[in-house]
């Protein structure tokens, strides 16, 4: 049989482990959210870049057409 002191130590260790697990989960969730936001921002930036390139291409095509005519 365990002494009450040992049992209370086990309980404290168990509670500490629970707290650590919760902290780790919370940190993982925060990191996942940051990663998602970073990916969304990167995707948005790429879309803007492509839109700008498309506009420039259209403008050069218009200029070329006016020169030909």
Foldseek 3Di string as FASTA:
>chain_A
DDDPVVVVVVVVVVVVVVVVVVVVVVVVVVVVVVVVVVVVVVVVVVVVVVVVVVVVVVVVVVVVVVVVD
